[in-house]
Amino acid sequence: MSIFRRPDYQSDATQFINQLKASRPELEQQQQTGRALLWDKQVDRTIWNEYRQGRVVQKPYVYQTNAD
């Protein structure tokens, strides 16, 4: 057993989140819906590979003009 363990300690933020979830049980479903809207997407790996192959290598100093 660690001497640094604080039994049953919850930070203010954790207490707030637990109270919020208890008062609004639909919140978890709304969070998952929002995540699915923005993040959970099907990725077409062939398109991404083509995108990566088509990238142009950037010069070490972007603002340097060609002095030809």
C-alpha atoms as a PDB file:
ATOM      1  CA  MET A   1       0.000   0.000   0.000  1.00  0.00           C
ATOM      2  CA  SER A   2       1.319   3.405  -0.953  1.00  0.00           C
ATOM      3  CA  ILE A   3       1.696   6.093   1.680  1.00  0.00           C
ATOM      4  CA  PHE A   4       0.721   8.685  -0.936  1.00  0.00           C
ATOM      5  CA  ARG A   5      -2.694   7.210  -1.695  1.00  0.00           C
ATOM      6  CA  ARG A   6      -5.565   9.391  -0.621  1.00  0.00           C
ATOM      7  CA  PRO A   7      -8.486   7.030  -0.038  1.00  0.00           C
ATOM      8  CA  ASP A   8     -11.776   8.029  -1.596  1.00  0.00           C
ATOM      9  CA  TYR A   9     -10.426  11.375  -2.796  1.00  0.00           C
ATOM     10  CA  GLN A  10     -12.166  13.022  -5.734  1.00  0.00           C
ATOM     11  CA  SER A  11     -11.126  16.338  -7.186  1.00  0.00           C
ATOM     12  CA  ASP A  12     -13.602  19.184  -7.580  1.00  0.00           C
ATOM     13  CA  ALA A  13     -13.692  18.595 -11.332  1.00  0.00           C
ATOM     14  CA  THR A  14     -14.505  14.900 -10.892  1.00  0.00           C
ATOM     15  CA  GLN A  15     -17.242  15.700  -8.397  1.00  0.00           C
ATOM     16  CA  PHE A  16     -18.726  18.268 -10.789  1.00  0.00           C
ATOM     17  CA  ILE A  17     -18.738  15.820 -13.708  1.00  0.00           C
ATOM     18  CA  ASN A  18     -20.314  13.076 -11.592  1.00  0.00           C
ATOM     19  CA  GLN A  19     -23.048  15.477 -10.393  1.00  0.00           C
ATOM     20  CA  LEU A  20     -23.652  16.679 -13.952  1.00  0.00           C
ATOM     21  CA  LYS A  21     -24.006  13.121 -15.262  1.00  0.00           C
ATOM     22  CA  ALA A  22     -26.351  12.245 -12.390  1.00  0.00           C
ATOM     23  CA  SER A  23     -28.580  15.257 -13.057  1.00  0.00           C
ATOM     24  CA  ARG A  24     -28.559  14.824 -16.865  1.00  0.00           C
ATOM     25  CA  PRO A  25     -28.448  11.109 -17.778  1.00  0.00           C
ATOM     26  CA  GLU A  26     -28.922  11.884 -21.487  1.00  0.00           C
ATOM     27  CA  LEU A  27     -25.615  13.768 -21.565  1.00  0.00           C
ATOM     28  CA  GLU A  28     -23.522  10.645 -22.225  1.00  0.00           C
ATOM     29  CA  GLN A  29     -25.568   9.775 -25.322  1.00  0.00           C
ATOM     30  CA  GLN A  30     -25.315  13.353 -26.595  1.00  0.00           C
ATOM     31  CA  GLN A  31     -21.527  13.232 -26.197  1.00  0.00           C
ATOM     32  CA  GLN A  32     -21.318   9.999 -28.184  1.00  0.00           C
ATOM     33  CA  THR A  33     -23.536  11.453 -30.909  1.00  0.00           C
ATOM     34  CA  GLY A  34     -21.322  14.543 -31.151  1.00  0.00           C
ATOM     35  CA  ARG A  35     -18.192  12.432 -31.287  1.00  0.00           C
ATOM     36  CA  ALA A  36     -19.640  10.287 -34.066  1.00  0.00           C
ATOM     37  CA  LEU A  37     -20.495  13.432 -36.003  1.00  0.00           C
ATOM     38  CA  LEU A  38     -16.954  14.807 -35.933  1.00  0.00           C
ATOM     39  CA  TRP A  39     -14.524  11.959 -35.325  1.00  0.00           C
ATOM     40  CA  ASP A  40     -15.876   8.480 -35.980  1.00  0.00           C
ATOM     41  CA  LYS A  41     -15.525   8.353 -39.754  1.00  0.00           C
ATOM     42  CA  GLN A  42     -14.729   5.567 -42.178  1.00  0.00           C
ATOM     43  CA  VAL A  43     -11.276   6.181 -43.658  1.00  0.00           C
ATOM     44  CA  ASP A  44     -10.484   5.208 -47.243  1.00  0.00           C
ATOM     45  CA  ARG A  45      -6.840   4.208 -46.956  1.00  0.00           C
ATOM     46  CA  THR A  46      -6.173   4.163 -50.707  1.00  0.00           C
ATOM     47  CA  ILE A  47      -7.175   7.817 -51.008  1.00  0.00           C
ATOM     48  CA  TRP A  48      -4.972   8.716 -48.037  1.00  0.00           C
ATOM     49  CA  ASN A  49      -2.019   6.878 -49.573  1.00  0.00           C
ATOM     50  CA  GLU A  50      -2.505   8.778 -52.833  1.00  0.00           C
ATOM     51  CA  TYR A  51      -2.700  12.023 -50.893  1.00  0.00           C
ATOM     52  CA  ARG A  52       0.550  11.282 -49.059  1.00  0.00           C
ATOM     53  CA  GLN A  53       2.338  10.322 -52.288  1.00  0.00           C
ATOM     54  CA  GLY A  54       1.242  13.558 -53.951  1.00  0.00           C
ATOM     55  CA  ARG A  55       2.710  15.831 -51.284  1.00  0.00           C
ATOM     56  CA  VAL A  56       5.449  18.225 -52.337  1.00  0.00           C
ATOM     57  CA  VAL A  57       8.473  18.421 -50.069  1.00  0.00           C
ATOM     58  CA  GLN A  58       8.698  21.779 -48.340  1.00  0.00           C
ATOM     59  CA  LYS A  59      11.896  23.826 -48.542  1.00  0.00           C
ATOM     60  CA  PRO A  60      13.868  24.225 -45.320  1.00  0.00           C
ATOM     61  CA  TYR A  61      13.178  27.961 -45.292  1.00  0.00           C
ATOM     62  CA  VAL A  62       9.710  28.584 -46.667  1.00  0.00           C
ATOM     63  CA  TYR A  63      10.073  32.270 -47.457  1.00  0.00           C
ATOM     64  CA  GLN A  64      13.342  31.957 -49.380  1.00  0.00           C
ATOM     65  CA  THR A  65      12.810  32.799 -53.028  1.00  0.00           C
ATOM     66  CA  ASN A  66      14.755  31.112 -55.798  1.00  0.00           C
ATOM     67  CA  ALA A  67      17.670  33.393 -56.694  1.00  0.00           C
ATOM     68  CA  ASP A  68      18.110  31.994 -60.194  1.00  0.00           C
END
